[in-house]
PDB file of N, CA and C in Angstrom:
ATOM      1  N   MET A   1       0.841  -1.191   0.000  1.00  0.00           N
ATOM      2  CA  MET A   1       0.000   0.000   0.000  1.00  0.00           C
ATOM      3  C   MET A   1       0.883   1.251   0.000  1.00  0.00           C
ATOM      4  N   ARG A   2       1.827   1.272  -0.887  1.00  0.00           N
ATOM      5  CA  ARG A   2       2.755   2.400  -0.927  1.00  0.00           C
ATOM      6  C   ARG A   2       2.261   3.550  -1.780  1.00  0.00           C
ATOM      7  N   THR A   3       1.416   3.257  -2.741  1.00  0.00           N
ATOM      8  CA  THR A   3       0.933   4.316  -3.627  1.00  0.00           C
ATOM      9  C   THR A   3      -0.535   4.592  -3.338  1.00  0.00           C
ATOM     10  N   PRO A   4      -1.005   5.785  -3.699  1.00  0.00           N
ATOM     11  CA  PRO A   4      -2.425   6.092  -3.494  1.00  0.00           C
ATOM     12  C   PRO A   4      -3.359   5.112  -4.211  1.00  0.00           C
ATOM     13  N   ILE A   5      -2.971   4.679  -5.409  1.00  0.00           N
ATOM     14  CA  ILE A   5      -3.823   3.740  -6.144  1.00  0.00           C
ATOM     15  C   ILE A   5      -3.840   2.386  -5.451  1.00  0.00           C
ATOM     16  N   SER A   6      -2.718   1.925  -4.941  1.00  0.00           N
ATOM     17  CA  SER A   6      -2.714   0.632  -4.245  1.00  0.00           C
ATOM     18  C   SER A   6      -3.528   0.707  -2.959  1.00  0.00           C
ATOM     19  N   ARG A   7      -3.497   1.854  -2.277  1.00  0.00           N
ATOM     20  CA  ARG A   7      -4.335   2.031  -1.083  1.00  0.00           C
ATOM     21  C   ARG A   7      -5.813   2.003  -1.460  1.00  0.00           C
ATOM     22  N   LEU A   8      -6.166   2.683  -2.542  1.00  0.00           N
ATOM     23  CA  LEU A   8      -7.559   2.685  -3.002  1.00  0.00           C
ATOM     24  C   LEU A   8      -8.001   1.272  -3.362  1.00  0.00           C
ATOM     25  N   ARG A   9      -7.146   0.536  -4.035  1.00  0.00           N
ATOM     26  CA  ARG A   9      -7.488  -0.840  -4.409  1.00  0.00           C
ATOM     27  C   ARG A   9      -7.730  -1.702  -3.175  1.00  0.00           C
ATOM     28  N   THR A  10      -6.841  -1.605  -2.194  1.00  0.00           N
ATOM     29  CA  THR A  10      -6.976  -2.414  -0.980  1.00  0.00           C
ATOM     30  C   THR A  10      -8.236  -2.048  -0.206  1.00  0.00           C
ATOM     31  N   ILE A  11      -8.453  -0.770   0.005  1.00  0.00           N
ATOM     32  CA  ILE A  11      -9.643  -0.329   0.733  1.00  0.00           C
ATOM     33  C   ILE A  11     -10.893  -0.697  -0.058  1.00  0.00           C
ATOM     34  N   GLY A  12     -10.834  -0.573  -1.376  1.00  0.00           N
ATOM     35  CA  GLY A  12     -11.978  -0.913  -2.216  1.00  0.00           C
ATOM     36  C   GLY A  12     -12.372  -2.374  -2.098  1.00  0.00           C
ATOM     37  N   ILE A  13     -11.377  -3.261  -2.021  1.00  0.00           N
ATOM     38  CA  ILE A  13     -11.666  -4.692  -1.871  1.00  0.00           C
ATOM     39  C   ILE A  13     -12.371  -4.942  -0.537  1.00  0.00           C
ATOM     40  N   TYR A  14     -11.837  -4.361   0.534  1.00  0.00           N
ATOM     41  CA  TYR A  14     -12.466  -4.546   1.847  1.00  0.00           C
ATOM     42  C   TYR A  14     -13.864  -3.923   1.891  1.00  0.00           C
ATOM     43  N   GLU A  15     -14.014  -2.772   1.276  1.00  0.00           N
ATOM     44  CA  GLU A  15     -15.320  -2.111   1.249  1.00  0.00           C
ATOM     45  C   GLU A  15     -16.318  -2.956   0.457  1.00  0.00           C
ATOM     46  N   GLY A  16     -15.877  -3.520  -0.657  1.00  0.00           N
ATOM     47  CA  GLY A  16     -16.752  -4.372  -1.461  1.00  0.00           C
ATOM     48  C   GLY A  16     -17.168  -5.636  -0.726  1.00  0.00           C
ATOM     49  N   ILE A  17     -16.221  -6.238  -0.007  1.00  0.00           N
ATOM     50  CA  ILE A  17     -16.540  -7.435   0.775  1.00  0.00           C
ATOM     51  C   ILE A  17     -17.538  -7.096   1.877  1.00  0.00           C
ATOM     52  N   SER A  18     -17.312  -5.974   2.556  1.00  0.00           N
ATOM     53  CA  SER A  18     -18.232  -5.600   3.640  1.00  0.00           C
ATOM     54  C   SER A  18     -19.631  -5.324   3.105  1.00  0.00           C
ATOM     55  N   TYR A  19     -19.724  -4.753   1.913  1.00  0.00           N
ATOM     56  CA  TYR A  19     -21.031  -4.480   1.310  1.00  0.00           C
ATOM     57  C   TYR A  19     -21.747  -5.787   0.970  1.00  0.00           C
ATOM     58  N   LEU A  20     -21.002  -6.737   0.403  1.00  0.00           N
ATOM     59  CA  LEU A  20     -21.596  -8.034   0.079  1.00  0.00           C
ATOM     60  C   LEU A  20     -22.035  -8.773   1.346  1.00  0.00           C
ATOM     61  N   LEU A  21     -21.233  -8.692   2.406  1.00  0.00           N
ATOM     62  CA  LEU A  21     -21.624  -9.303   3.679  1.00  0.00           C
ATOM     63  C   LEU A  21     -22.890  -8.649   4.238  1.00  0.00           C
ATOM     64  N   LEU A  22     -22.944  -7.327   4.127  1.00  0.00           N
ATOM     65  CA  LEU A  22     -24.115  -6.606   4.617  1.00  0.00           C
ATOM     66  C   LEU A  22     -25.369  -7.008   3.850  1.00  0.00           C
ATOM     67  N   LEU A  23     -25.277  -7.013   2.533  1.00  0.00           N
ATOM     68  CA  LEU A  23     -26.451  -7.338   1.710  1.00  0.00           C
ATOM     69  C   LEU A  23     -26.780  -8.825   1.692  1.00  0.00           C
ATOM     70  N   GLY A  24     -25.749  -9.663   1.663  1.00  0.00           N
ATOM     71  CA  GLY A  24     -25.975 -11.091   1.467  1.00  0.00           C
ATOM     72  C   GLY A  24     -26.145 -11.914   2.724  1.00  0.00           C
ATOM     73  N   ILE A  25     -25.609 -11.425   3.840  1.00  0.00           N
ATOM     74  CA  ILE A  25     -25.694 -12.208   5.074  1.00  0.00           C
ATOM     75  C   ILE A  25     -26.430 -11.444   6.173  1.00  0.00           C
ATOM     76  N   ALA A  26     -25.960 -10.235   6.481  1.00  0.00           N
ATOM     77  CA  ALA A  26     -26.524  -9.504   7.613  1.00  0.00           C
ATOM     78  C   ALA A  26     -27.996  -9.134   7.410  1.00  0.00           C
ATOM     79  N   MET A  27     -28.332  -8.622   6.242  1.00  0.00           N
ATOM     80  CA  MET A  27     -29.731  -8.230   6.002  1.00  0.00           C
ATOM     81  C   MET A  27     -30.672  -9.440   6.025  1.00  0.00           C
ATOM     82  N   PRO A  28     -30.341 -10.543   5.351  1.00  0.00           N
ATOM     83  CA  PRO A  28     -31.222 -11.717   5.462  1.00  0.00           C
ATOM     84  C   PRO A  28     -31.357 -12.225   6.902  1.00  0.00           C
ATOM     85  N   LEU A  29     -30.252 -12.194   7.671  1.00  0.00           N
ATOM     86  CA  LEU A  29     -30.346 -12.626   9.060  1.00  0.00           C
ATOM     87  C   LEU A  29     -31.251 -11.697   9.875  1.00  0.00           C
ATOM     88  N   LYS A  30     -31.192 -10.421   9.568  1.00  0.00           N
ATOM     89  CA  LYS A  30     -32.049  -9.468  10.282  1.00  0.00           C
ATOM     90  C   LYS A  30     -33.514  -9.749  10.010  1.00  0.00           C
ATOM     91  N   TYR A  31     -33.871  -9.914   8.752  1.00  0.00           N
ATOM     92  CA  TYR A  31     -35.281 -10.020   8.401  1.00  0.00           C
ATOM     93  C   TYR A  31     -35.825 -11.447   8.435  1.00  0.00           C
ATOM     94  N   MET A  32     -34.980 -12.442   8.251  1.00  0.00           N
ATOM     95  CA  MET A  32     -35.480 -13.817   8.233  1.00  0.00           C
ATOM     96  C   MET A  32     -35.250 -14.561   9.548  1.00  0.00           C
ATOM     97  N   ALA A  33     -34.219 -14.154  10.282  1.00  0.00           N
ATOM     98  CA  ALA A  33     -33.894 -14.860  11.519  1.00  0.00           C
ATOM     99  C   ALA A  33     -34.042 -13.972  12.750  1.00  0.00           C
ATOM    100  N   GLY A  34     -34.482 -12.737  12.548  1.00  0.00           N
ATOM    101  CA  GLY A  34     -34.676 -11.830  13.678  1.00  0.00           C
ATOM    102  C   GLY A  34     -33.399 -11.492  14.423  1.00  0.00           C
ATOM    103  N   MET A  35     -32.311 -11.295  13.689  1.00  0.00           N
ATOM    104  CA  MET A  35     -31.021 -10.965  14.299  1.00  0.00           C
ATOM    105  C   MET A  35     -30.546  -9.582  13.834  1.00  0.00           C
ATOM    106  N   PRO A  36     -31.156  -8.511  14.358  1.00  0.00           N
ATOM    107  CA  PRO A  36     -30.796  -7.163  13.896  1.00  0.00           C
ATOM    108  C   PRO A  36     -29.379  -6.743  14.255  1.00  0.00           C
ATOM    109  N   GLU A  37     -28.770  -7.373  15.258  1.00  0.00           N
ATOM    110  CA  GLU A  37     -27.413  -6.993  15.649  1.00  0.00           C
ATOM    111  C   GLU A  37     -26.397  -7.265  14.546  1.00  0.00           C
ATOM    112  N   MET A  38     -26.704  -8.204  13.654  1.00  0.00           N
ATOM    113  CA  MET A  38     -25.791  -8.482  12.535  1.00  0.00           C
ATOM    114  C   MET A  38     -25.653  -7.261  11.632  1.00  0.00           C
ATOM    115  N   VAL A  39     -26.765  -6.585  11.368  1.00  0.00           N
ATOM    116  CA  VAL A  39     -26.730  -5.382  10.532  1.00  0.00           C
ATOM    117  C   VAL A  39     -26.019  -4.259  11.271  1.00  0.00           C
ATOM    118  N   LYS A  40     -26.227  -4.194  12.569  1.00  0.00           N
ATOM    119  CA  LYS A  40     -25.594  -3.133  13.356  1.00  0.00           C
ATOM    120  C   LYS A  40     -24.070  -3.174  13.206  1.00  0.00           C
ATOM    121  N   TYR A  41     -23.476  -4.341  13.413  1.00  0.00           N
ATOM    122  CA  TYR A  41     -22.020  -4.447  13.388  1.00  0.00           C
ATOM    123  C   TYR A  41     -21.456  -4.449  11.964  1.00  0.00           C
ATOM    124  N   THR A  42     -22.098  -5.171  11.082  1.00  0.00           N
ATOM    125  CA  THR A  42     -21.635  -5.204   9.691  1.00  0.00           C
ATOM    126  C   THR A  42     -21.818  -3.835   9.046  1.00  0.00           C
ATOM    127  N   GLY A  43     -22.943  -3.194   9.343  1.00  0.00           N
ATOM    128  CA  GLY A  43     -23.199  -1.861   8.798  1.00  0.00           C
ATOM    129  C   GLY A  43     -22.203  -0.835   9.303  1.00  0.00           C
ATOM    130  N   TRP A  44     -21.850  -0.941  10.584  1.00  0.00           N
ATOM    131  CA  TRP A  44     -20.870  -0.025  11.150  1.00  0.00           C
ATOM    132  C   TRP A  44     -19.516  -0.196  10.458  1.00  0.00           C
ATOM    133  N   ALA A  45     -19.082  -1.445  10.299  1.00  0.00           N
ATOM    134  CA  ALA A  45     -17.798  -1.719   9.632  1.00  0.00           C
ATOM    135  C   ALA A  45     -17.825  -1.224   8.191  1.00  0.00           C
ATOM    136  N   HIS A  46     -18.935  -1.486   7.516  1.00  0.00           N
ATOM    137  CA  HIS A  46     -19.056  -1.035   6.132  1.00  0.00           C
ATOM    138  C   HIS A  46     -19.025   0.493   6.049  1.00  0.00           C
ATOM    139  N   GLY A  47     -19.670   1.152   6.975  1.00  0.00           N
ATOM    140  CA  GLY A  47     -19.669   2.618   6.982  1.00  0.00           C
ATOM    141  C   GLY A  47     -18.277   3.199   7.133  1.00  0.00           C
ATOM    142  N   VAL A  48     -17.499   2.629   8.030  1.00  0.00           N
ATOM    143  CA  VAL A  48     -16.110   3.083   8.227  1.00  0.00           C
ATOM    144  C   VAL A  48     -15.300   2.853   6.951  1.00  0.00           C
ATOM    145  N   LEU A  49     -15.451   1.676   6.370  1.00  0.00           N
ATOM    146  CA  LEU A  49     -14.718   1.370   5.136  1.00  0.00           C
ATOM    147  C   LEU A  49     -15.166   2.260   3.981  1.00  0.00           C
ATOM    148  N   PHE A  50     -16.450   2.591   3.927  1.00  0.00           N
ATOM    149  CA  PHE A  50     -16.953   3.477   2.873  1.00  0.00           C
ATOM    150  C   PHE A  50     -16.325   4.864   2.988  1.00  0.00           C
ATOM    151  N   VAL A  51     -16.241   5.374   4.206  1.00  0.00           N
ATOM    152  CA  VAL A  51     -15.614   6.693   4.410  1.00  0.00           C
ATOM    153  C   VAL A  51     -14.141   6.633   4.019  1.00  0.00           C
ATOM    154  N   LEU A  52     -13.432   5.579   4.417  1.00  0.00           N
ATOM    155  CA  LEU A  52     -12.021   5.430   4.023  1.00  0.00           C
ATOM    156  C   LEU A  52     -11.876   5.341   2.512  1.00  0.00           C
ATOM    157  N   TYR A  53     -12.806   4.656   1.873  1.00  0.00           N
ATOM    158  CA  TYR A  53     -12.796   4.537   0.412  1.00  0.00           C
ATOM    159  C   TYR A  53     -12.927   5.918  -0.235  1.00  0.00           C
ATOM    160  N   MET A  54     -13.866   6.717   0.251  1.00  0.00           N
ATOM    161  CA  MET A  54     -14.061   8.045  -0.330  1.00  0.00           C
ATOM    162  C   MET A  54     -12.852   8.947  -0.090  1.00  0.00           C
ATOM    163  N   VAL A  55     -12.244   8.840   1.080  1.00  0.00           N
ATOM    164  CA  VAL A  55     -11.017   9.612   1.351  1.00  0.00           C
ATOM    165  C   VAL A  55      -9.907   9.161   0.410  1.00  0.00           C
ATOM    166  N   SER A  56      -9.832   7.870   0.172  1.00  0.00           N
ATOM    167  CA  SER A  56      -8.823   7.342  -0.746  1.00  0.00           C
ATOM    168  C   SER A  56      -9.072   7.790  -2.179  1.00  0.00           C
ATOM    169  N   VAL A  57     -10.334   7.833  -2.591  1.00  0.00           N
ATOM    170  CA  VAL A  57     -10.663   8.354  -3.928  1.00  0.00           C
ATOM    171  C   VAL A  57     -10.210   9.809  -4.034  1.00  0.00           C
ATOM    172  N   LEU A  58     -10.438  10.591  -2.987  1.00  0.00           N
ATOM    173  CA  LEU A  58      -9.996  11.991  -2.985  1.00  0.00           C
ATOM    174  C   LEU A  58      -8.473  12.082  -3.091  1.00  0.00           C
ATOM    175  N   GLU A  59      -7.766  11.230  -2.349  1.00  0.00           N
ATOM    176  CA  GLU A  59      -6.303  11.240  -2.413  1.00  0.00           C
ATOM    177  C   GLU A  59      -5.803  10.920  -3.817  1.00  0.00           C
ATOM    178  N   VAL A  60      -6.375   9.890  -4.440  1.00  0.00           N
ATOM    179  CA  VAL A  60      -5.959   9.517  -5.798  1.00  0.00           C
ATOM    180  C   VAL A  60      -6.298  10.639  -6.778  1.00  0.00           C
ATOM    181  N   THR A  61      -7.457  11.249  -6.607  1.00  0.00           N
ATOM    182  CA  THR A  61      -7.877  12.344  -7.485  1.00  0.00           C
ATOM    183  C   THR A  61      -6.885  13.497  -7.423  1.00  0.00           C
ATOM    184  N   LEU A  62      -6.480  13.867  -6.222  1.00  0.00           N
ATOM    185  CA  LEU A  62      -5.548  14.979  -6.063  1.00  0.00           C
ATOM    186  C   LEU A  62      -4.137  14.615  -6.521  1.00  0.00           C
ATOM    187  N   THR A  63      -3.725  13.390  -6.282  1.00  0.00           N
ATOM    188  CA  THR A  63      -2.369  12.959  -6.640  1.00  0.00           C
ATOM    189  C   THR A  63      -2.205  12.757  -8.143  1.00  0.00           C
ATOM    190  N   HIS A  64      -3.203  12.139  -8.767  1.00  0.00           N
ATOM    191  CA  HIS A  64      -3.087  11.762 -10.176  1.00  0.00           C
ATOM    192  C   HIS A  64      -3.983  12.584 -11.099  1.00  0.00           C
ATOM    193  N   ASN A  65      -4.545  13.647 -10.593  1.00  0.00           N
ATOM    194  CA  ASN A  65      -5.395  14.538 -11.396  1.00  0.00           C
ATOM    195  C   ASN A  65      -6.480  13.771 -12.156  1.00  0.00           C
ATOM    196  N   TRP A  66      -7.213  12.957 -11.433  1.00  0.00           N
ATOM    197  CA  TRP A  66      -8.298  12.205 -12.051  1.00  0.00           C
ATOM    198  C   TRP A  66      -9.362  13.132 -12.595  1.00  0.00           C
ATOM    199  N   SER A  67      -9.943  12.737 -13.702  1.00  0.00           N
ATOM    200  CA  SER A  67     -11.045  13.501 -14.293  1.00  0.00           C
ATOM    201  C   SER A  67     -12.322  13.251 -13.501  1.00  0.00           C
ATOM    202  N   ILE A  68     -13.305  14.097 -13.731  1.00  0.00           N
ATOM    203  CA  ILE A  68     -14.611  13.927 -13.092  1.00  0.00           C
ATOM    204  C   ILE A  68     -15.201  12.569 -13.465  1.00  0.00           C
ATOM    205  N   LYS A  69     -14.957  12.128 -14.671  1.00  0.00           N
ATOM    206  CA  LYS A  69     -15.476  10.840 -15.131  1.00  0.00           C
ATOM    207  C   LYS A  69     -14.915   9.689 -14.292  1.00  0.00           C
ATOM    208  N   LYS A  70     -13.614   9.708 -14.005  1.00  0.00           N
ATOM    209  CA  LYS A  70     -13.007   8.655 -13.196  1.00  0.00           C
ATOM    210  C   LYS A  70     -13.506   8.709 -11.754  1.00  0.00           C
ATOM    211  N   VAL A  71     -13.641   9.910 -11.225  1.00  0.00           N
ATOM    212  CA  VAL A  71     -14.151  10.053  -9.855  1.00  0.00           C
ATOM    213  C   VAL A  71     -15.581   9.530  -9.783  1.00  0.00           C
ATOM    214  N   ALA A  72     -16.406   9.892 -10.757  1.00  0.00           N
ATOM    215  CA  ALA A  72     -17.795   9.420 -10.788  1.00  0.00           C
ATOM    216  C   ALA A  72     -17.846   7.897 -10.900  1.00  0.00           C
ATOM    217  N   ALA A  73     -16.970   7.317 -11.700  1.00  0.00           N
ATOM    218  CA  ALA A  73     -16.934   5.856 -11.840  1.00  0.00           C
ATOM    219  C   ALA A  73     -16.571   5.206 -10.510  1.00  0.00           C
ATOM    220  N   ALA A  74     -15.623   5.768  -9.777  1.00  0.00           N
ATOM    221  CA  ALA A  74     -15.225   5.216  -8.481  1.00  0.00           C
ATOM    222  C   ALA A  74     -16.353   5.328  -7.459  1.00  0.00           C
ATOM    223  N   VAL A  75     -17.057   6.442  -7.470  1.00  0.00           N
ATOM    224  CA  VAL A  75     -18.179   6.634  -6.538  1.00  0.00           C
ATOM    225  C   VAL A  75     -19.319   5.678  -6.884  1.00  0.00           C
ATOM    226  N   ILE A  76     -19.644   5.571  -8.156  1.00  0.00           N
ATOM    227  CA  ILE A  76     -20.712   4.661  -8.580  1.00  0.00           C
ATOM    228  C   ILE A  76     -20.330   3.213  -8.262  1.00  0.00           C
ATOM    229  N   ALA A  77     -19.068   2.868  -8.454  1.00  0.00           N
ATOM    230  CA  ALA A  77     -18.605   1.509  -8.148  1.00  0.00           C
ATOM    231  C   ALA A  77     -18.838   1.169  -6.685  1.00  0.00           C
ATOM    232  N   SER A  78     -18.686   2.152  -5.811  1.00  0.00           N
ATOM    233  CA  SER A  78     -18.876   1.887  -4.385  1.00  0.00           C
ATOM    234  C   SER A  78     -20.335   1.630  -4.033  1.00  0.00           C
ATOM    235  N   LEU A  79     -21.247   2.031  -4.891  1.00  0.00           N
ATOM    236  CA  LEU A  79     -22.678   1.859  -4.631  1.00  0.00           C
ATOM    237  C   LEU A  79     -23.230   0.562  -5.208  1.00  0.00           C
ATOM    238  N   LEU A  80     -22.469  -0.099  -6.056  1.00  0.00           N
ATOM    239  CA  LEU A  80     -22.911  -1.347  -6.677  1.00  0.00           C
ATOM    240  C   LEU A  80     -22.271  -2.530  -5.950  1.00  0.00           C
ATOM    241  N   PRO A  81     -23.012  -3.612  -5.751  1.00  0.00           N
ATOM    242  CA  PRO A  81     -22.472  -4.736  -4.976  1.00  0.00           C
ATOM    243  C   PRO A  81     -21.124  -5.272  -5.455  1.00  0.00           C
ATOM    244  N   PHE A  82     -20.894  -5.411  -6.748  1.00  0.00           N
ATOM    245  CA  PHE A  82     -19.613  -5.922  -7.235  1.00  0.00           C
ATOM    246  C   PHE A  82     -18.773  -4.828  -7.885  1.00  0.00           C
ATOM    247  N   GLY A  83     -19.190  -3.594  -7.754  1.00  0.00           N
ATOM    248  CA  GLY A  83     -18.500  -2.470  -8.375  1.00  0.00           C
ATOM    249  C   GLY A  83     -17.046  -2.303  -7.975  1.00  0.00           C
ATOM    250  N   PRO A  84     -16.717  -2.392  -6.672  1.00  0.00           N
ATOM    251  CA  PRO A  84     -15.308  -2.219  -6.293  1.00  0.00           C
ATOM    252  C   PRO A  84     -14.371  -3.251  -6.912  1.00  0.00           C
ATOM    253  N   PHE A  85     -14.874  -4.451  -7.170  1.00  0.00           N
ATOM    254  CA  PHE A  85     -14.031  -5.494  -7.760  1.00  0.00           C
ATOM    255  C   PHE A  85     -13.774  -5.218  -9.241  1.00  0.00           C
ATOM    256  N   ILE A  86     -14.771  -4.682  -9.920  1.00  0.00           N
ATOM    257  CA  ILE A  86     -14.602  -4.302 -11.328  1.00  0.00           C
ATOM    258  C   ILE A  86     -13.641  -3.125 -11.424  1.00  0.00           C
ATOM    259  N   LEU A  87     -13.825  -2.138 -10.537  1.00  0.00           N
ATOM    260  CA  LEU A  87     -12.932  -0.980 -10.517  1.00  0.00           C
ATOM    261  C   LEU A  87     -11.500  -1.411 -10.198  1.00  0.00           C
ATOM    262  N   ASP A  88     -11.349  -2.378  -9.305  1.00  0.00           N
ATOM    263  CA  ASP A  88     -10.014  -2.856  -8.931  1.00  0.00           C
ATOM    264  C   ASP A  88      -9.244  -3.349 -10.136  1.00  0.00           C
ATOM    265  N   LYS A  89      -9.912  -4.067 -11.013  1.00  0.00           N
ATOM    266  CA  LYS A  89      -9.250  -4.586 -12.217  1.00  0.00           C
ATOM    267  C   LYS A  89      -8.740  -3.431 -13.092  1.00  0.00           C
ATOM    268  N   LYS A  90      -9.545  -2.395 -13.228  1.00  0.00           N
ATOM    269  CA  LYS A  90      -9.129  -1.233 -14.018  1.00  0.00           C
ATOM    270  C   LYS A  90      -7.995  -0.475 -13.332  1.00  0.00           C
ATOM    271  N   LEU A  91      -8.065  -0.361 -12.017  1.00  0.00           N
ATOM    272  CA  LEU A  91      -7.009   0.330 -11.282  1.00  0.00           C
ATOM    273  C   LEU A  91      -5.696  -0.438 -11.355  1.00  0.00           C
ATOM    274  N   LEU A  92      -5.766  -1.764 -11.363  1.00  0.00           N
ATOM    275  CA  LEU A  92      -4.562  -2.574 -11.493  1.00  0.00           C
ATOM    276  C   LEU A  92      -3.865  -2.282 -12.817  1.00  0.00           C
ATOM    277  N   LYS A  93      -4.642  -2.199 -13.891  1.00  0.00           N
ATOM    278  CA  LYS A  93      -4.069  -1.860 -15.199  1.00  0.00           C
ATOM    279  C   LYS A  93      -3.434  -0.473 -15.162  1.00  0.00           C
ATOM    280  N   GLU A  94      -4.137   0.478 -14.540  1.00  0.00           N
ATOM    281  CA  GLU A  94      -3.611   1.846 -14.453  1.00  0.00           C
ATOM    282  C   GLU A  94      -2.311   1.869 -13.651  1.00  0.00           C
ATOM    283  N   GLU A  95      -2.271   1.120 -12.574  1.00  0.00           N
ATOM    284  CA  GLU A  95      -1.069   1.068 -11.743  1.00  0.00           C
ATOM    285  C   GLU A  95       0.095   0.433 -12.499  1.00  0.00           C
ATOM    286  N   GLU A  96      -0.184  -0.622 -13.260  1.00  0.00           N
ATOM    287  CA  GLU A  96       0.868  -1.252 -14.060  1.00  0.00           C
ATOM    288  C   GLU A  96       1.374  -0.313 -15.142  1.00  0.00           C
ATOM    289  N   ASN A  97       0.476   0.457 -15.747  1.00  0.00           N
ATOM    290  CA  ASN A  97       0.890   1.436 -16.752  1.00  0.00           C
ATOM    291  C   ASN A  97       1.759   2.518 -16.136  1.00  0.00           C
ATOM    292  N   ARG A  98       1.443   2.931 -14.924  1.00  0.00           N
ATOM    293  CA  ARG A  98       2.244   3.957 -14.247  1.00  0.00           C
ATOM    294  C   ARG A  98       3.635   3.435 -13.911  1.00  0.00           C
ATOM    295  N   LYS A  99       3.751   2.152 -13.621  1.00  0.00           N
ATOM    296  CA  LYS A  99       5.070   1.574 -13.332  1.00  0.00           C
ATOM    297  C   LYS A  99       5.922   1.551 -14.586  1.00  0.00           C
ATOM    298  N   GLU A 100       5.273   1.321 -15.735  1.00  0.00           N
ATOM    299  CA  GLU A 100       6.001   1.298 -16.995  1.00  0.00           C
ATOM    300  C   GLU A 100       6.407   2.699 -17.427  1.00  0.00           C
ATOM    301  N   LYS A 101       5.540   3.681 -17.196  1.00  0.00           N
ATOM    302  CA  LYS A 101       5.792   5.074 -17.549  1.00  0.00           C
ATOM    303  C   LYS A 101       5.707   5.912 -16.294  1.00  0.00           C
ATOM    304  N   PRO A 102       6.831   6.213 -15.660  1.00  0.00           N
ATOM    305  CA  PRO A 102       6.758   7.058 -14.461  1.00  0.00           C
ATOM    306  C   PRO A 102       6.228   8.450 -14.797  1.00  0.00           C
ATOM    307  N   VAL A 103       5.319   8.926 -13.970  1.00  0.00           N
ATOM    308  CA  VAL A 103       4.720  10.245 -14.155  1.00  0.00           C
ATOM    309  C   VAL A 103       5.409  11.192 -13.184  1.00  0.00           C
ATOM    310  N   LYS A 104       5.701  12.395 -13.666  1.00  0.00           N
ATOM    311  CA  LYS A 104       6.329  13.383 -12.787  1.00  0.00           C
ATOM    312  C   LYS A 104       5.335  13.764 -11.699  1.00  0.00           C
ATOM    313  N   GLN A 105       5.805  13.688 -10.458  1.00  0.00           N
ATOM    314  CA  GLN A 105       5.001  14.104  -9.311  1.00  0.00           C
ATOM    315  C   GLN A 105       5.285  15.584  -9.065  1.00  0.00           C
ATOM    316  N   LYS A 106       4.309  16.265  -8.494  1.00  0.00           N
ATOM    317  CA  LYS A 106       4.481  17.668  -8.170  1.00  0.00           C
ATOM    318  C   LYS A 106       5.552  17.806  -7.085  1.00  0.00           C
ATOM    319  N   GLN A 107       6.445  18.752  -7.276  1.00  0.00           N
ATOM    320  CA  GLN A 107       7.477  19.020  -6.291  1.00  0.00           C
ATOM    321  C   GLN A 107       6.927  19.975  -5.243  1.00  0.00           C
ATOM    322  N   VAL A 108       7.112  19.617  -3.982  1.00  0.00           N
ATOM    323  CA  VAL A 108       6.681  20.482  -2.887  1.00  0.00           C
ATOM    324  C   VAL A 108       7.880  21.277  -2.436  1.00  0.00           C
ATOM    325  N   ALA A 109       7.720  22.587  -2.444  1.00  0.00           N
ATOM    326  CA  ALA A 109       8.851  23.459  -2.083  1.00  0.00           C
ATOM    327  C   ALA A 109       8.926  23.680  -0.619  1.00  0.00           C
TER     328      ALA A 109
END
């Protein structure tokens, strides 16, 4: 997790897993088995990961000058159950391209 994109990818995977757990396990347990505490804890974890994901999207946007289109795609991906995993594949390609072609980073004076 040394680069902003690798951090976004890692957080995105965890956020996607937490969303699938929330929708696929916790919600059915709440409504079918009367176990609302499952949603409480899974939802809390997912909420924290969602906030970290959005902060990471902001970091990548500022570091790599992402376009509005890329930011919108990342935000939309976070709202879809398998979206973070699809985005991860695209980010992996972008990260590999950056390794092949180093981009000049802004110098801080």
